[in-house]
Amino acid sequence: MKSSAAMLVLALLALPAQAEDISPQVKEIVEKELRAWAADPALVAAVIAANEAHAALSQPQIESLDAAWRTELETSTRPTIDPILAAPESQALKAKIEAGGGRFTEAFVTDSHGLNVAQAGPTSDYWQGDEAKFLETFPKGAEAIHVGEVEFDESSQSYSVQASFTVIDPASKAPIGAMTVGLNAEMIQ
């Protein structure tokens, strides 16, 4: 029993180091695989359309939308969440997650405000604009990548890490949003 507890403590202490150790591999996955997901013409068009639709939103309006989203998560009536989940771009992300053989745990894309545009499954909030996954990508330019900490994912019962990066308009090369993909950290080599 003591050795099991000691092993658990050692494993937990190693997690921050593991996150640092896998950062180069995560960035390589972004460059070799995930940027292609974000370059899908339908997804790019959806982000551009969301940017246009949300251009005049104030910060209080964004926070109100975010609060409504979080409330909807607890109800069966979800007028904000369900249309996004049903969108073809969200369904395409969901298919990529399902086809990933357990390598991917989640995927979502935000507009220039950090508001969800497409997602493989519901996120805990609508506005990602106050989180590192957005703040360390979209505002930092076209090449920005943010690798989160390795964390235990209760839903998948595995360790995962979020890779976030700037979504660009392939025509202009301008940043238009951000994408976050959860990776099964146990499958990263």
Protein backbone atom coordinates (compact mmCIF):
# COMPACT_ATOMS: atom_id res chain seq x y z
CA MET A 1 0.00 0.00 0.00
CA LYS A 2 2.80 2.41 0.90
CA SER A 3 4.54 1.75 -2.41
CA SER A 4 1.30 2.48 -4.34
CA ALA A 5 0.90 5.79 -2.53
CA ALA A 6 4.55 6.65 -3.14
CA MET A 7 4.20 5.86 -6.85
CA LEU A 8 1.12 8.08 -7.07
CA VAL A 9 2.94 10.97 -5.38
CA LEU A 10 5.91 10.56 -7.73
CA ALA A 11 3.62 10.46 -10.77
CA LEU A 12 1.82 13.62 -9.67
CA LEU A 13 5.08 15.44 -9.00
CA ALA A 14 6.32 14.51 -12.48
CA LEU A 15 3.32 16.02 -14.30
CA PRO A 16 4.68 19.59 -14.67
CA ALA A 17 7.97 18.18 -15.93
CA GLN A 18 6.10 15.89 -18.31
CA ALA A 19 4.17 18.87 -19.71
CA GLU A 20 7.47 20.63 -20.36
CA ASP A 21 8.93 17.48 -21.88
CA ILE A 22 6.07 16.97 -24.35
CA SER A 23 5.76 20.60 -25.46
CA PRO A 24 8.01 20.09 -28.54
CA GLN A 25 6.02 17.02 -29.57
CA VAL A 26 2.72 18.87 -29.11
CA LYS A 27 3.97 21.79 -31.22
CA GLU A 28 5.03 19.32 -33.91
CA ILE A 29 1.52 17.81 -33.94
CA VAL A 30 0.09 21.32 -34.34
CA GLU A 31 2.34 22.07 -37.30
CA LYS A 32 2.08 18.69 -39.04
CA GLU A 33 -1.58 17.91 -38.44
CA LEU A 34 -3.76 20.40 -36.61
CA ARG A 35 -3.08 23.55 -38.63
CA ALA A 36 -4.64 21.69 -41.57
CA TRP A 37 -7.82 21.26 -39.52
CA ALA A 38 -7.94 25.02 -38.95
CA ALA A 39 -7.38 25.76 -42.64
CA ASP A 40 -10.57 23.97 -43.71
CA PRO A 41 -12.36 26.49 -45.99
CA ALA A 42 -15.75 25.97 -44.32
CA LEU A 43 -14.25 26.52 -40.87
CA VAL A 44 -12.36 29.64 -42.02
CA ALA A 45 -15.59 30.99 -43.54
CA ALA A 46 -17.46 30.32 -40.28
CA VAL A 47 -14.82 32.18 -38.24
CA ILE A 48 -14.87 35.14 -40.64
CA ALA A 49 -18.70 35.22 -40.48
CA ALA A 50 -18.59 35.11 -36.66
CA ASN A 51 -16.06 37.95 -36.60
CA GLU A 52 -18.41 40.05 -38.72
CA ALA A 53 -21.46 39.13 -36.63
CA HIS A 54 -19.67 39.85 -33.34
CA ALA A 55 -17.72 42.95 -34.41
CA ALA A 56 -19.85 45.41 -32.43
CA LEU A 57 -20.17 43.36 -29.22
CA SER A 58 -19.14 45.16 -26.04
CA GLN A 59 -17.37 43.41 -23.16
CA PRO A 60 -20.54 43.41 -21.02
CA GLN A 61 -22.45 41.82 -23.93
CA ILE A 62 -19.77 39.14 -24.29
CA GLU A 63 -19.91 38.40 -20.57
CA SER A 64 -23.72 38.21 -20.73
CA LEU A 65 -23.53 35.70 -23.60
CA ASP A 66 -21.00 33.67 -21.63
CA ALA A 67 -23.24 33.63 -18.55
CA ALA A 68 -26.21 32.52 -20.67
CA TRP A 69 -24.11 29.69 -22.12
CA ARG A 70 -23.10 28.44 -18.68
CA THR A 71 -26.75 28.54 -17.58
CA GLU A 72 -27.82 26.59 -20.69
CA LEU A 73 -25.38 23.81 -19.83
CA GLU A 74 -27.67 22.95 -16.90
CA THR A 75 -30.90 22.86 -18.92
CA SER A 76 -32.46 20.83 -21.71
CA THR A 77 -33.24 24.01 -23.69
CA ARG A 78 -29.99 25.26 -25.20
CA PRO A 79 -30.69 27.93 -27.85
CA THR A 80 -27.07 29.11 -27.93
CA ILE A 81 -25.20 25.82 -27.54
CA ASP A 82 -27.19 23.45 -29.76
CA PRO A 83 -26.96 25.46 -33.01
CA ILE A 84 -23.17 25.61 -32.66
CA LEU A 85 -22.94 21.87 -31.96
CA ALA A 86 -25.20 21.14 -34.95
CA ALA A 87 -23.19 23.30 -37.36
CA PRO A 88 -21.35 21.39 -40.11
CA GLU A 89 -18.02 22.79 -38.89
CA SER A 90 -18.65 21.39 -35.41
CA GLN A 91 -19.68 18.05 -36.87
CA ALA A 92 -16.44 17.98 -38.89
CA LEU A 93 -14.41 18.59 -35.71
CA LYS A 94 -16.35 15.85 -33.92
CA ALA A 95 -15.60 13.43 -36.78
CA LYS A 96 -11.88 14.25 -36.55
CA ILE A 97 -11.91 13.54 -32.81
CA GLU A 98 -13.73 10.25 -33.35
CA ALA A 99 -11.37 9.23 -36.17
CA GLY A 100 -8.32 10.01 -34.03
CA GLY A 101 -8.17 6.64 -32.33
CA GLY A 102 -8.17 8.18 -28.85
CA ARG A 103 -5.38 10.67 -29.64
CA PHE A 104 -7.71 13.68 -29.40
CA THR A 105 -10.08 14.50 -26.55
CA GLU A 106 -11.70 17.78 -27.64
CA ALA A 107 -11.57 20.50 -30.27
CA PHE A 108 -13.06 23.95 -30.54
CA VAL A 109 -12.52 27.12 -32.55
CA THR A 110 -13.11 30.71 -31.48
CA ASP A 111 -13.48 34.00 -33.29
CA SER A 112 -11.40 37.14 -32.74
CA HIS A 113 -13.20 37.84 -29.44
CA GLY A 114 -12.61 34.31 -28.14
CA LEU A 115 -16.27 33.31 -28.62
CA ASN A 116 -16.94 29.73 -29.71
CA VAL A 117 -17.60 29.23 -33.42
CA ALA A 118 -17.32 25.44 -33.74
CA GLN A 119 -16.74 22.65 -31.25
CA ALA A 120 -16.68 18.87 -31.14
CA GLY A 121 -18.61 18.90 -27.86
CA PRO A 122 -19.96 21.48 -25.43
CA THR A 123 -17.37 23.58 -23.63
CA SER A 124 -17.85 24.79 -20.06
CA ASP A 125 -18.09 28.38 -21.28
CA TYR A 126 -18.78 30.30 -24.48
CA TRP A 127 -16.07 32.94 -24.09
CA GLN A 128 -12.47 31.71 -24.11
CA GLY A 129 -11.07 35.23 -24.54
CA ASP A 130 -9.93 35.55 -20.93
CA GLU A 131 -7.94 32.29 -20.94
CA ALA A 132 -4.33 31.54 -21.92
CA LYS A 133 -5.51 29.29 -24.76
CA PHE A 134 -6.77 32.47 -26.45
CA LEU A 135 -4.55 35.19 -24.94
CA GLU A 136 -1.35 33.34 -25.88
CA THR A 137 -2.45 32.68 -29.47
CA PHE A 138 -4.70 35.05 -31.42
CA PRO A 139 -3.27 38.33 -30.03
CA LYS A 140 0.29 37.01 -30.48
CA GLY A 141 0.06 36.49 -34.24
CA ALA A 142 -0.26 33.87 -36.95
CA GLU A 143 2.45 31.50 -35.71
CA ALA A 144 1.53 31.48 -32.01
CA ILE A 145 1.10 28.16 -30.20
CA HIS A 146 0.19 27.66 -26.54
CA VAL A 147 0.69 24.28 -24.86
CA GLY A 148 -1.27 23.89 -21.64
CA GLU A 149 -0.43 21.84 -18.58
CA VAL A 150 -0.93 18.09 -18.56
CA GLU A 151 -4.09 17.45 -16.56
CA PHE A 152 -6.17 14.42 -15.63
CA ASP A 153 -9.38 14.34 -17.67
CA GLU A 154 -12.15 12.74 -15.62
CA SER A 155 -14.36 12.12 -18.66
CA SER A 156 -11.74 10.12 -20.56
CA GLN A 157 -9.91 8.83 -17.47
CA SER A 158 -6.60 9.81 -19.03
CA TYR A 159 -4.04 12.61 -18.93
CA SER A 160 -4.52 15.26 -21.58
CA VAL A 161 -2.92 18.48 -22.72
CA GLN A 162 -4.47 21.33 -24.71
CA ALA A 163 -2.71 22.61 -27.80
CA SER A 164 -3.97 26.04 -28.84
CA PHE A 165 -2.91 28.05 -31.86
CA THR A 166 -3.92 30.96 -34.03
CA VAL A 167 -6.35 30.36 -36.88
CA ILE A 168 -5.43 32.37 -39.96
CA ASP A 169 -7.21 33.37 -43.11
CA PRO A 170 -5.23 31.47 -45.77
CA ALA A 171 -5.87 34.22 -48.32
CA SER A 172 -4.59 37.16 -46.26
CA LYS A 173 -2.48 35.24 -43.68
CA ALA A 174 -4.13 37.45 -41.04
CA PRO A 175 -5.11 35.99 -37.65
CA ILE A 176 -8.88 35.50 -37.44
CA GLY A 177 -9.37 33.31 -34.35
CA ALA A 178 -7.93 30.47 -32.32
CA MET A 179 -8.25 26.68 -32.17
CA THR A 180 -7.78 24.42 -29.16
CA VAL A 181 -7.38 20.67 -29.46
CA GLY A 182 -7.11 18.37 -26.48
CA LEU A 183 -4.49 15.65 -26.93
CA ASN A 184 -4.26 12.42 -24.98
CA ALA A 185 -0.90 13.04 -23.29
CA GLU A 186 -0.40 9.32 -22.77
CA MET A 187 -0.32 8.81 -26.56
CA ILE A 188 2.19 11.56 -27.37
CA GLN A 189 5.61 10.23 -28.29
